[in-house]
C-alpha atoms as a PDB file:
ATOM      1  CA  MET A   1      -5.298  -8.732 -22.011  1.00  0.00           C
ATOM      2  CA  PHE A   2      -7.133  -5.618 -21.123  1.00  0.00           C
ATOM      3  CA  ALA A   3      -5.793  -3.299 -23.926  1.00  0.00           C
ATOM      4  CA  LEU A   4      -8.297  -2.211 -26.522  1.00  0.00           C
ATOM      5  CA  THR A   5      -7.660  -0.337 -29.700  1.00  0.00           C
ATOM      6  CA  ALA A   6     -10.980   0.797 -31.154  1.00  0.00           C
ATOM      7  CA  SER A   7     -13.491   3.321 -29.624  1.00  0.00           C
ATOM      8  CA  ILE A   8     -16.332   1.021 -30.708  1.00  0.00           C
ATOM      9  CA  ALA A   9     -14.869  -1.692 -28.490  1.00  0.00           C
ATOM     10  CA  LEU A  10     -14.618   0.701 -25.569  1.00  0.00           C
ATOM     11  CA  ALA A  11     -18.258   1.771 -26.152  1.00  0.00           C
ATOM     12  CA  ALA A  12     -19.237  -1.860 -25.816  1.00  0.00           C
ATOM     13  CA  LEU A  13     -17.881  -2.200 -22.298  1.00  0.00           C
ATOM     14  CA  PRO A  14     -20.229  -2.338 -19.302  1.00  0.00           C
ATOM     15  CA  PRO A  15     -21.092   1.267 -18.199  1.00  0.00           C
ATOM     16  CA  LEU A  16     -19.733   2.815 -15.077  1.00  0.00           C
ATOM     17  CA  GLN A  17     -22.032   4.110 -12.340  1.00  0.00           C
ATOM     18  CA  THR A  18     -21.242   6.296  -9.399  1.00  0.00           C
ATOM     19  CA  VAL A  19     -22.223   4.559  -6.069  1.00  0.00           C
ATOM     20  CA  SER A  20     -22.134   5.822  -2.603  1.00  0.00           C
ATOM     21  CA  TYR A  21     -21.639   3.841   0.609  1.00  0.00           C
ATOM     22  CA  PRO A  22     -20.736   4.466   4.223  1.00  0.00           C
ATOM     23  CA  SER A  23     -17.118   4.561   5.525  1.00  0.00           C
ATOM     24  CA  GLY A  24     -17.356   5.022   9.282  1.00  0.00           C
ATOM     25  CA  PRO A  25     -19.286   8.275   9.899  1.00  0.00           C
ATOM     26  CA  GLU A  26     -18.710   9.470   6.279  1.00  0.00           C
ATOM     27  CA  THR A  27     -20.344   8.681   2.910  1.00  0.00           C
ATOM     28  CA  ILE A  28     -17.837   8.025   0.138  1.00  0.00           C
ATOM     29  CA  SER A  29     -18.255   7.150  -3.553  1.00  0.00           C
ATOM     30  CA  GLY A  30     -16.604   4.926  -6.210  1.00  0.00           C
ATOM     31  CA  GLN A  31     -17.177   3.771  -9.722  1.00  0.00           C
ATOM     32  CA  LEU A  32     -19.023   0.509 -10.217  1.00  0.00           C
ATOM     33  CA  ALA A  33     -19.101  -1.698 -13.324  1.00  0.00           C
ATOM     34  CA  VAL A  34     -21.353  -4.759 -13.393  1.00  0.00           C
ATOM     35  CA  PRO A  35     -21.424  -7.717 -15.849  1.00  0.00           C
ATOM     36  CA  SER A  36     -24.249  -7.745 -18.353  1.00  0.00           C
ATOM     37  CA  SER A  37     -25.359 -11.253 -17.376  1.00  0.00           C
ATOM     38  CA  GLY A  38     -27.683 -11.763 -14.514  1.00  0.00           C
ATOM     39  CA  GLY A  39     -27.160 -13.722 -11.233  1.00  0.00           C
ATOM     40  CA  ARG A  40     -24.511 -13.532  -8.642  1.00  0.00           C
ATOM     41  CA  HIS A  41     -20.890 -12.822  -9.638  1.00  0.00           C
ATOM     42  CA  PRO A  42     -17.483 -12.771  -7.995  1.00  0.00           C
ATOM     43  CA  ALA A  43     -16.397  -9.224  -7.204  1.00  0.00           C
ATOM     44  CA  LEU A  44     -13.225  -7.113  -7.244  1.00  0.00           C
ATOM     45  CA  ILE A  45     -12.118  -4.082  -5.323  1.00  0.00           C
ATOM     46  CA  LEU A  46      -9.886  -2.189  -7.737  1.00  0.00           C
ATOM     47  CA  VAL A  47      -7.403   0.305  -6.278  1.00  0.00           C
ATOM     48  CA  HIS A  48      -5.936   3.064  -8.347  1.00  0.00           C
ATOM     49  CA  GLU A  49      -2.338   4.146  -8.741  1.00  0.00           C
ATOM     50  CA  TRP A  50      -0.939   7.270  -7.187  1.00  0.00           C
ATOM     51  CA  TRP A  51      -2.569   9.281  -9.931  1.00  0.00           C
ATOM     52  CA  GLY A  52      -5.984   8.819  -8.476  1.00  0.00           C
ATOM     53  CA  LEU A  53      -9.184   7.297  -9.967  1.00  0.00           C
ATOM     54  CA  ASN A  54      -8.253   8.222 -13.572  1.00  0.00           C
ATOM     55  CA  GLY A  55      -9.249   6.912 -16.977  1.00  0.00           C
ATOM     56  CA  PHE A  56      -6.921   4.023 -16.781  1.00  0.00           C
ATOM     57  CA  ALA A  57      -8.451   2.701 -13.488  1.00  0.00           C
ATOM     58  CA  LYS A  58     -11.994   3.376 -14.818  1.00  0.00           C
ATOM     59  CA  THR A  59     -11.450   1.452 -18.048  1.00  0.00           C
ATOM     60  CA  LYS A  60      -9.849  -1.428 -16.141  1.00  0.00           C
ATOM     61  CA  ALA A  61     -12.964  -1.617 -13.972  1.00  0.00           C
ATOM     62  CA  GLN A  62     -15.131  -1.845 -17.117  1.00  0.00           C
ATOM     63  CA  GLN A  63     -12.903  -4.446 -18.730  1.00  0.00           C
ATOM     64  CA  LEU A  64     -12.944  -6.653 -15.615  1.00  0.00           C
ATOM     65  CA  ALA A  65     -16.746  -6.355 -15.376  1.00  0.00           C
ATOM     66  CA  GLU A  66     -16.782  -7.636 -18.985  1.00  0.00           C
ATOM     67  CA  GLN A  67     -14.799 -10.623 -17.823  1.00  0.00           C
ATOM     68  CA  GLY A  68     -17.542 -11.428 -15.245  1.00  0.00           C
ATOM     69  CA  PHE A  69     -16.643  -9.482 -12.072  1.00  0.00           C
ATOM     70  CA  VAL A  70     -18.765  -6.910 -10.267  1.00  0.00           C
ATOM     71  CA  THR A  71     -15.964  -4.290 -10.018  1.00  0.00           C
ATOM     72  CA  LEU A  72     -15.818  -1.419  -7.569  1.00  0.00           C
ATOM     73  CA  ALA A  73     -13.069   1.165  -8.442  1.00  0.00           C
ATOM     74  CA  VAL A  74     -12.450   2.910  -5.129  1.00  0.00           C
ATOM     75  CA  ASP A  75     -11.487   6.550  -4.932  1.00  0.00           C
ATOM     76  CA  LEU A  76      -8.997   6.841  -2.031  1.00  0.00           C
ATOM     77  CA  TYR A  77      -8.314  10.418  -2.819  1.00  0.00           C
ATOM     78  CA  ARG A  78     -12.013  11.337  -2.886  1.00  0.00           C
ATOM     79  CA  GLY A  79     -11.982  13.466  -5.940  1.00  0.00           C
ATOM     80  CA  PRO A  80      -8.534  14.766  -6.901  1.00  0.00           C
ATOM     81  CA  VAL A  81      -6.780  13.134  -9.940  1.00  0.00           C
ATOM     82  CA  ALA A  82      -3.156  13.988 -10.780  1.00  0.00           C
ATOM     83  CA  SER A  83      -1.742  14.457 -14.271  1.00  0.00           C
ATOM     84  CA  ASP A  84       1.830  14.983 -13.382  1.00  0.00           C
ATOM     85  CA  PRO A  85       4.197  13.178 -11.003  1.00  0.00           C
ATOM     86  CA  ASP A  86       4.663  16.074  -8.560  1.00  0.00           C
ATOM     87  CA  THR A  87       0.882  16.335  -7.928  1.00  0.00           C
ATOM     88  CA  ALA A  88       0.632  12.531  -7.726  1.00  0.00           C
ATOM     89  CA  HIS A  89       3.437  12.506  -5.149  1.00  0.00           C
ATOM     90  CA  GLN A  90       1.729  15.146  -3.041  1.00  0.00           C
ATOM     91  CA  LEU A  91      -1.582  13.298  -3.191  1.00  0.00           C
ATOM     92  CA  SER A  92      -0.109   9.963  -2.198  1.00  0.00           C
ATOM     93  CA  ARG A  93       1.965  11.443   0.643  1.00  0.00           C
ATOM     94  CA  GLY A  94      -1.096  13.361   1.866  1.00  0.00           C
ATOM     95  CA  LEU A  95      -3.388  10.290   1.914  1.00  0.00           C
ATOM     96  CA  PRO A  96      -4.252   9.266   5.484  1.00  0.00           C
ATOM     97  CA  GLU A  97      -3.425   5.573   5.660  1.00  0.00           C
ATOM     98  CA  ASP A  98      -5.940   4.894   8.385  1.00  0.00           C
ATOM     99  CA  ARG A  99      -8.648   6.501   6.295  1.00  0.00           C
ATOM    100  CA  ALA A 100      -7.528   4.544   3.229  1.00  0.00           C
ATOM    101  CA  LYS A 101      -7.769   1.244   5.073  1.00  0.00           C
ATOM    102  CA  ARG A 102     -11.178   2.178   6.455  1.00  0.00           C
ATOM    103  CA  ASP A 103     -12.419   3.027   2.869  1.00  0.00           C
ATOM    104  CA  LEU A 104     -11.142  -0.268   1.650  1.00  0.00           C
ATOM    105  CA  ALA A 105     -12.972  -2.174   4.442  1.00  0.00           C
ATOM    106  CA  ALA A 106     -16.096  -0.118   3.535  1.00  0.00           C
ATOM    107  CA  ALA A 107     -15.667  -1.235  -0.140  1.00  0.00           C
ATOM    108  CA  PHE A 108     -15.611  -4.842   0.848  1.00  0.00           C
ATOM    109  CA  ALA A 109     -18.740  -4.525   3.060  1.00  0.00           C
ATOM    110  CA  TYR A 110     -20.543  -2.610   0.182  1.00  0.00           C
ATOM    111  CA  LEU A 111     -19.742  -5.453  -2.327  1.00  0.00           C
ATOM    112  CA  ALA A 112     -20.544  -8.208   0.147  1.00  0.00           C
ATOM    113  CA  ALA A 113     -24.036  -6.759   0.743  1.00  0.00           C
ATOM    114  CA  ARG A 114     -24.948  -6.526  -2.991  1.00  0.00           C
ATOM    115  CA  PRO A 115     -27.459  -9.202  -4.122  1.00  0.00           C
ATOM    116  CA  ASP A 116     -25.550  -9.606  -7.383  1.00  0.00           C
ATOM    117  CA  VAL A 117     -22.291 -10.460  -5.566  1.00  0.00           C
ATOM    118  CA  ASP A 118     -21.181 -13.822  -3.999  1.00  0.00           C
ATOM    119  CA  ALA A 119     -19.665 -12.581  -0.865  1.00  0.00           C
ATOM    120  CA  ARG A 120     -17.511 -15.653  -0.516  1.00  0.00           C
ATOM    121  CA  HIS A 121     -15.606 -14.652  -3.712  1.00  0.00           C
ATOM    122  CA  ILE A 122     -14.304 -11.068  -3.404  1.00  0.00           C
ATOM    123  CA  ALA A 123     -10.775 -10.202  -4.399  1.00  0.00           C
ATOM    124  CA  SER A 124      -8.714  -6.978  -4.595  1.00  0.00           C
ATOM    125  CA  ILE A 125      -6.497  -5.736  -7.539  1.00  0.00           C
ATOM    126  CA  GLY A 126      -4.270  -2.713  -7.836  1.00  0.00           C
ATOM    127  CA  TRP A 127      -1.291  -1.174  -9.540  1.00  0.00           C
ATOM    128  CA  CYS A 128       1.684   0.616  -7.904  1.00  0.00           C
ATOM    129  CA  MET A 129       0.234   2.410  -4.842  1.00  0.00           C
ATOM    130  CA  GLY A 130      -3.021   0.471  -5.540  1.00  0.00           C
ATOM    131  CA  GLY A 131      -1.061  -2.838  -5.588  1.00  0.00           C
ATOM    132  CA  GLY A 132       0.188  -2.004  -2.052  1.00  0.00           C
ATOM    133  CA  TYR A 133      -3.322  -1.301  -0.894  1.00  0.00           C
ATOM    134  CA  ALA A 134      -4.716  -4.429  -2.647  1.00  0.00           C
ATOM    135  CA  LEU A 135      -2.355  -6.391  -0.507  1.00  0.00           C
ATOM    136  CA  GLU A 136      -3.228  -4.247   2.524  1.00  0.00           C
ATOM    137  CA  GLU A 137      -6.819  -5.371   2.114  1.00  0.00           C
ATOM    138  CA  ALA A 138      -5.594  -8.896   2.423  1.00  0.00           C
ATOM    139  CA  LEU A 139      -3.774  -8.069   5.596  1.00  0.00           C
ATOM    140  CA  GLN A 140      -6.903  -6.586   7.278  1.00  0.00           C
ATOM    141  CA  GLU A 141      -9.829  -8.624   5.790  1.00  0.00           C
ATOM    142  CA  PRO A 142      -9.591 -12.329   6.440  1.00  0.00           C
ATOM    143  CA  ARG A 143     -12.656 -12.967   4.194  1.00  0.00           C
ATOM    144  CA  LEU A 144     -10.924 -11.635   1.074  1.00  0.00           C
ATOM    145  CA  ALA A 145     -10.447 -14.591  -1.259  1.00  0.00           C
ATOM    146  CA  ALA A 146      -7.496 -13.232  -3.349  1.00  0.00           C
ATOM    147  CA  ALA A 147      -5.395 -10.236  -4.133  1.00  0.00           C
ATOM    148  CA  VAL A 148      -3.617  -9.289  -7.427  1.00  0.00           C
ATOM    149  CA  ILE A 149      -0.593  -7.047  -6.961  1.00  0.00           C
ATOM    150  CA  TYR A 150       1.062  -5.146  -9.673  1.00  0.00           C
ATOM    151  CA  TYR A 151       4.423  -3.841  -8.288  1.00  0.00           C
ATOM    152  CA  GLY A 152       2.910  -2.755  -5.004  1.00  0.00           C
ATOM    153  CA  ARG A 153       4.736  -2.267  -1.713  1.00  0.00           C
ATOM    154  CA  LEU A 154       5.212  -5.403   0.337  1.00  0.00           C
ATOM    155  CA  PRO A 155       5.089  -5.700   4.148  1.00  0.00           C
ATOM    156  CA  THR A 156       8.023  -6.926   6.151  1.00  0.00           C
ATOM    157  CA  ASP A 157       6.356  -7.666   9.515  1.00  0.00           C
ATOM    158  CA  PRO A 158       6.314 -11.476   9.934  1.00  0.00           C
ATOM    159  CA  THR A 159       3.195 -11.324  12.122  1.00  0.00           C
ATOM    160  CA  ALA A 160       1.265  -9.338   9.548  1.00  0.00           C
ATOM    161  CA  ILE A 161       2.423 -11.742   6.728  1.00  0.00           C
ATOM    162  CA  ALA A 162       1.477 -14.787   8.686  1.00  0.00           C
ATOM    163  CA  GLY A 163      -2.114 -13.416   9.025  1.00  0.00           C
ATOM    164  CA  ILE A 164      -2.786 -13.375   5.252  1.00  0.00           C
ATOM    165  CA  LYS A 165      -5.609 -15.753   4.306  1.00  0.00           C
ATOM    166  CA  ALA A 166      -6.104 -14.658   0.731  1.00  0.00           C
ATOM    167  CA  LYS A 167      -4.266 -16.228  -2.179  1.00  0.00           C
ATOM    168  CA  LEU A 168      -1.826 -13.819  -3.783  1.00  0.00           C
ATOM    169  CA  LEU A 169      -0.677 -13.170  -7.361  1.00  0.00           C
ATOM    170  CA  GLY A 170       2.070 -10.703  -7.938  1.00  0.00           C
ATOM    171  CA  SER A 171       3.701  -9.155 -11.079  1.00  0.00           C
ATOM    172  CA  PHE A 172       6.994  -7.229 -10.615  1.00  0.00           C
ATOM    173  CA  GLY A 173       9.665  -5.649 -12.793  1.00  0.00           C
ATOM    174  CA  ALA A 174      13.161  -7.031 -12.392  1.00  0.00           C
ATOM    175  CA  ASP A 175      14.434  -3.386 -12.967  1.00  0.00           C
ATOM    176  CA  ASP A 176      12.105  -1.741 -10.391  1.00  0.00           C
ATOM    177  CA  LYS A 177      14.009   0.499  -8.167  1.00  0.00           C
ATOM    178  CA  GLY A 178      11.100   1.099  -5.765  1.00  0.00           C
ATOM    179  CA  ILE A 179      10.133  -2.523  -5.320  1.00  0.00           C
ATOM    180  CA  PRO A 180      13.462  -4.222  -6.010  1.00  0.00           C
ATOM    181  CA  PRO A 181      13.829  -8.005  -6.581  1.00  0.00           C
ATOM    182  CA  ALA A 182      15.416  -8.425  -3.085  1.00  0.00           C
ATOM    183  CA  ALA A 183      12.250  -7.079  -1.426  1.00  0.00           C
ATOM    184  CA  VAL A 184      10.074  -9.374  -3.532  1.00  0.00           C
ATOM    185  CA  SER A 185      12.277 -12.449  -2.577  1.00  0.00           C
ATOM    186  CA  ALA A 186      12.224 -11.542   1.034  1.00  0.00           C
ATOM    187  CA  PHE A 187       8.464 -11.266   1.081  1.00  0.00           C
ATOM    188  CA  GLU A 188       8.057 -14.603  -0.802  1.00  0.00           C
ATOM    189  CA  LYS A 189      10.340 -16.388   1.629  1.00  0.00           C
ATOM    190  CA  GLN A 190       8.421 -15.115   4.688  1.00  0.00           C
ATOM    191  CA  ALA A 191       5.022 -15.712   3.066  1.00  0.00           C
ATOM    192  CA  ARG A 192       5.814 -19.238   2.003  1.00  0.00           C
ATOM    193  CA  ALA A 193       7.215 -20.048   5.490  1.00  0.00           C
ATOM    194  CA  ALA A 194       3.914 -18.877   6.894  1.00  0.00           C
ATOM    195  CA  GLY A 195       1.829 -21.059   4.559  1.00  0.00           C
ATOM    196  CA  VAL A 196       0.550 -18.164   2.446  1.00  0.00           C
ATOM    197  CA  SER A 197      -0.431 -19.236  -1.121  1.00  0.00           C
ATOM    198  CA  LEU A 198       1.222 -16.968  -3.702  1.00  0.00           C
ATOM    199  CA  ASP A 199       2.444 -16.867  -7.236  1.00  0.00           C
ATOM    200  CA  PHE A 200       4.877 -14.081  -7.895  1.00  0.00           C
ATOM    201  CA  LYS A 201       6.685 -13.410 -11.235  1.00  0.00           C
ATOM    202  CA  GLU A 202       9.388 -10.977 -12.165  1.00  0.00           C
ATOM    203  CA  TYR A 203       9.692  -9.580 -15.656  1.00  0.00           C
ATOM    204  CA  PRO A 204      13.309  -9.060 -16.957  1.00  0.00           C
ATOM    205  CA  GLY A 205      13.866  -5.597 -18.519  1.00  0.00           C
ATOM    206  CA  ALA A 206      10.721  -4.229 -16.909  1.00  0.00           C
ATOM    207  CA  GLY A 207      10.701  -1.394 -14.309  1.00  0.00           C
ATOM    208  CA  HIS A 208       8.032   0.095 -12.116  1.00  0.00           C
ATOM    209  CA  GLY A 209       4.764   0.736 -13.934  1.00  0.00           C
ATOM    210  CA  PHE A 210       5.499  -1.584 -16.875  1.00  0.00           C
ATOM    211  CA  ALA A 211       1.828  -2.734 -17.095  1.00  0.00           C
ATOM    212  CA  SER A 212       0.189   0.643 -16.526  1.00  0.00           C
ATOM    213  CA  SER A 213       2.429   3.563 -17.440  1.00  0.00           C
ATOM    214  CA  ALA A 214       1.243   5.935 -20.197  1.00  0.00           C
ATOM    215  CA  ASP A 215       5.047   6.479 -20.981  1.00  0.00           C
ATOM    216  CA  PRO A 216       5.992   4.299 -23.921  1.00  0.00           C
ATOM    217  CA  GLN A 217       9.505   4.192 -22.545  1.00  0.00           C
ATOM    218  CA  VAL A 218       8.226   2.480 -19.400  1.00  0.00           C
ATOM    219  CA  TYR A 219       5.387   0.401 -20.667  1.00  0.00           C
ATOM    220  CA  ARG A 220       6.379  -3.147 -21.723  1.00  0.00           C
ATOM    221  CA  THR A 221       3.771  -4.689 -24.091  1.00  0.00           C
ATOM    222  CA  GLU A 222       4.557  -8.332 -23.799  1.00  0.00           C
ATOM    223  CA  ALA A 223       5.141  -8.210 -20.082  1.00  0.00           C
ATOM    224  CA  ALA A 224       1.944  -6.215 -19.538  1.00  0.00           C
ATOM    225  CA  GLN A 225      -0.104  -8.619 -21.578  1.00  0.00           C
ATOM    226  CA  ASP A 226       1.333 -11.657 -19.857  1.00  0.00           C
ATOM    227  CA  ALA A 227       0.763 -10.156 -16.440  1.00  0.00           C
ATOM    228  CA  ASP A 228      -2.840  -9.338 -17.241  1.00  0.00           C
ATOM    229  CA  HIS A 229      -3.428 -12.800 -18.663  1.00  0.00           C
ATOM    230  CA  ARG A 230      -1.966 -14.296 -15.544  1.00  0.00           C
ATOM    231  CA  ALA A 231      -4.261 -12.152 -13.444  1.00  0.00           C
ATOM    232  CA  LEU A 232      -7.336 -13.310 -15.253  1.00  0.00           C
ATOM    233  CA  GLU A 233      -6.360 -16.951 -15.155  1.00  0.00           C
ATOM    234  CA  PHE A 234      -5.583 -16.656 -11.475  1.00  0.00           C
ATOM    235  CA  LEU A 235      -8.913 -15.010 -10.667  1.00  0.00           C
ATOM    236  CA  ALA A 236     -10.766 -17.622 -12.860  1.00  0.00           C
ATOM    237  CA  LYS A 237      -9.274 -20.403 -10.716  1.00  0.00           C
ATOM    238  CA  THR A 238      -9.512 -18.609  -7.350  1.00  0.00           C
ATOM    239  CA  LEU A 239     -13.057 -17.177  -7.654  1.00  0.00           C
ATOM    240  CA  PRO A 240     -15.493 -19.947  -8.747  1.00  0.00           C
ATOM    241  CA  GLY A 241     -18.041 -18.882 -11.250  1.00  0.00           C
ATOM    242  CA  THR A 242     -15.646 -16.666 -13.327  1.00  0.00           C
ATOM    243  CA  PRO A 243     -15.487 -17.489 -17.049  1.00  0.00           C
ATOM    244  CA  ALA A 244     -12.148 -18.527 -18.476  1.00  0.00           C
ATOM    245  CA  PRO A 245     -10.171 -15.571 -19.723  1.00  0.00           C
ATOM    246  CA  ALA A 246     -10.635 -14.606 -23.389  1.00  0.00           C
ATOM    247  CA  HIS A 247      -7.668 -14.085 -25.690  1.00  0.00           C
ATOM    248  CA  PRO A 248      -6.261 -10.596 -25.882  1.00  0.00           C
ATOM    249  CA  ARG A 249      -8.065  -8.296 -28.300  1.00  0.00           C
ATOM    250  CA  GLY A 250      -4.969  -6.505 -29.334  1.00  0.00           C
ATOM    251  CA  GLY A 251      -3.287  -3.179 -28.561  1.00  0.00           C
ATOM    252  CA  SER A 252      -0.357  -2.121 -26.571  1.00  0.00           C
ATOM    253  CA  GLY A 253      -1.684   0.115 -23.847  1.00  0.00           C
ATOM    254  CA  ALA A 254      -4.367   2.111 -25.548  1.00  0.00           C
ATOM    255  CA  THR A 255      -6.259   2.387 -22.252  1.00  0.00           C
ATOM    256  CA  ASN A 256      -3.410   3.866 -20.438  1.00  0.00           C
ATOM    257  CA  GLN A 257      -4.825   7.396 -20.509  1.00  0.00           C
ATOM    258  CA  ARG A 258      -4.466   9.842 -17.736  1.00  0.00           C
END
């Protein structure tokens, strides 16, 4: 759904702008993409993978803005971006979780205060580490309308799960060793028992990163396109005022740059 093949198509996407907003006593920044149409829109908090706020995350923000969402790509690392797994591992391990949660809360507050955002219709979306934090935003922010989780970590605390008010959509790889099917099933069982609205799907033959990896051995074109289309359909239903998703414009991960 999000993959584009031509530079001219990328050039036509809504531009990114750096915005700053308070997070506790600090001022942080993120990348904002806004739909070209006027009026108030639903909004998305986009959370990057363990690589940091790289080209993949930025382009996703632009593509989602093209679909009608005011999209804020947060920068949980506050600057650094990894290009190799060792550095990404160090950055993710060194990220203070309390600070990350505070920055996500600040992102919600920033979007909710914008005059072009309908504060009743804000969702989160993320991949890998970002998928876990997209769900974390649902755990800590009862006003969040929805969360889209691509193979993110899942909580196990029944009390925390029972507190989720947002509707959830999840896409997972059946061959994922980090977020195995057993963990997905366990979370689904607890969430459904608690009355949480969720729609999870596992993709056979897909591992961790199947919808976002730059590695062609990991990326799964059909699964990624299906997961992306499901995400847009889910958001269109969950966040009123969102246009129906367009058909994929082709490509097989051309935006997966690092």
